[in-house]
Amino acid sequence: MGKFDQISSTESTAIQKELDEVTESLGETQDARLEERFLWIVTIFILLDAWWFSQMQSWGGPVALLVLQLILLVGIGRKCQVEDIEKLIDRLLDGWTGKENKKY
């Protein structure tokens, strides 16, 4: 291997290392943005619930609304890749299928 091959190899290794760091940083930034988006959606749901619940006369409406919202929030949390939501879904699915999973 000549001097040129060693220099080229060293440069490509450094470039690859920088590329890996940038890619990892981008992934972390995207995860943070998805989690922040989920938190904003939850905040909006809470504010809307406060208004809706004050307008409802019976307790049946708020209970039905909460159940539907929980299902919707679980789906949105999974779409936004919120780890806590994914763990919750795994626990629920394991409970329904009868699997005993001790990794949590």
Protein backbone atom coordinates (compact mmCIF):
# COMPACT_ATOMS: atom_id res chain seq x y z
CA MET A 1 0.00 0.00 0.00
CA GLY A 2 1.43 3.34 -1.02
CA LYS A 3 1.34 6.66 0.78
CA PHE A 4 -1.62 7.82 -1.30
CA ASP A 5 -3.68 4.76 -0.35
CA GLN A 6 -2.94 5.34 3.36
CA ILE A 7 -3.93 9.02 3.17
CA SER A 8 -7.09 8.22 1.19
CA SER A 9 -8.02 5.46 3.64
CA THR A 10 -7.49 7.74 6.64
CA GLU A 11 -9.58 10.52 5.09
CA SER A 12 -12.44 8.18 4.18
CA THR A 13 -12.42 6.75 7.73
CA ALA A 14 -12.61 10.27 9.22
CA ILE A 15 -15.37 11.25 6.80
CA GLN A 16 -17.30 8.06 7.61
CA LYS A 17 -16.95 8.74 11.35
CA GLU A 18 -18.27 12.30 10.91
CA LEU A 19 -21.11 11.04 8.73
CA ASP A 20 -22.07 8.50 11.41
CA GLU A 21 -22.08 11.22 14.09
CA VAL A 22 -24.23 13.54 11.96
CA THR A 23 -26.65 10.71 11.17
CA GLU A 24 -26.98 9.81 14.86
CA SER A 25 -27.52 13.46 15.79
CA LEU A 26 -30.21 13.79 13.11
CA GLY A 27 -31.99 10.69 14.42
CA GLU A 28 -31.97 12.06 17.97
CA THR A 29 -33.32 15.40 16.75
CA GLN A 30 -36.11 13.73 14.81
CA ASP A 31 -37.07 11.61 17.85
CA ALA A 32 -37.16 14.71 20.05
CA ARG A 33 -39.39 16.54 17.57
CA LEU A 34 -41.81 13.60 17.34
CA GLU A 35 -42.05 13.38 21.13
CA GLU A 36 -42.59 17.14 21.36
CA ARG A 37 -45.35 16.91 18.75
CA PHE A 38 -47.03 14.19 20.80
CA LEU A 39 -46.85 16.31 23.95
CA TRP A 40 -48.47 19.23 22.12
CA ILE A 41 -51.28 16.97 20.93
CA VAL A 42 -51.86 15.74 24.50
CA THR A 43 -51.90 19.36 25.73
CA ILE A 44 -54.51 20.31 23.13
CA PHE A 45 -56.62 17.28 24.13
CA ILE A 46 -56.48 18.32 27.78
CA LEU A 47 -57.58 21.87 26.97
CA LEU A 48 -60.41 20.67 24.74
CA ASP A 49 -61.51 18.17 27.40
CA ALA A 50 -61.73 20.91 30.00
CA TRP A 51 -64.11 22.82 27.76
CA TRP A 52 -66.10 19.79 26.54
CA PHE A 53 -66.57 18.35 30.02
CA SER A 54 -67.91 21.64 31.31
CA GLN A 55 -70.54 21.57 28.53
CA MET A 56 -71.72 17.98 29.09
CA GLN A 57 -74.61 17.35 31.45
CA SER A 58 -74.09 13.64 32.22
CA TRP A 59 -71.10 11.49 33.10
CA GLY A 60 -71.58 9.09 30.16
CA GLY A 61 -70.34 11.56 27.55
CA PRO A 62 -67.04 12.33 29.23
CA VAL A 63 -66.33 8.64 29.88
CA ALA A 64 -67.01 7.71 26.25
CA LEU A 65 -64.94 10.64 25.06
CA LEU A 66 -62.01 9.65 27.31
CA VAL A 67 -62.04 6.07 26.03
CA LEU A 68 -62.02 7.23 22.42
CA GLN A 69 -59.28 9.77 23.13
CA LEU A 70 -57.10 7.20 24.87
CA ILE A 71 -57.34 4.91 21.86
CA LEU A 72 -56.51 7.82 19.58
CA LEU A 73 -53.60 8.98 21.77
CA VAL A 74 -52.12 5.47 21.86
CA GLY A 75 -52.20 5.38 18.05
CA ILE A 76 -50.68 8.84 17.78
CA GLY A 77 -48.03 7.96 20.37
CA ARG A 78 -47.07 4.88 18.42
CA LYS A 79 -46.91 6.91 15.19
CA CYS A 80 -44.71 9.50 16.95
CA GLN A 81 -42.50 6.67 18.28
CA VAL A 82 -42.95 7.56 21.94
CA GLU A 83 -41.18 4.73 23.78
CA ASP A 84 -43.47 4.76 26.82
CA ILE A 85 -46.53 4.31 24.61
CA GLU A 86 -44.89 1.45 22.74
CA LYS A 87 -44.06 -0.28 26.06
CA LEU A 88 -47.67 0.19 27.19
CA ILE A 89 -48.98 -1.33 23.96
CA ASP A 90 -46.59 -4.28 24.29
CA ARG A 91 -47.76 -4.89 27.87
CA LEU A 92 -51.41 -4.74 26.86
CA LEU A 93 -50.91 -7.07 23.91
CA ASP A 94 -48.92 -9.52 26.03
CA GLY A 95 -51.69 -9.47 28.63
CA TRP A 96 -54.38 -10.16 26.04
CA THR A 97 -52.44 -12.99 24.40
CA GLY A 98 -51.47 -14.53 27.73
CA LYS A 99 -47.73 -14.15 27.22
CA GLU A 100 -45.66 -13.50 30.31
CA ASN A 101 -42.92 -11.06 29.41
CA LYS A 102 -40.55 -10.06 32.21
CA LYS A 103 -38.39 -7.53 30.33
CA TYR A 104 -40.21 -4.52 31.83
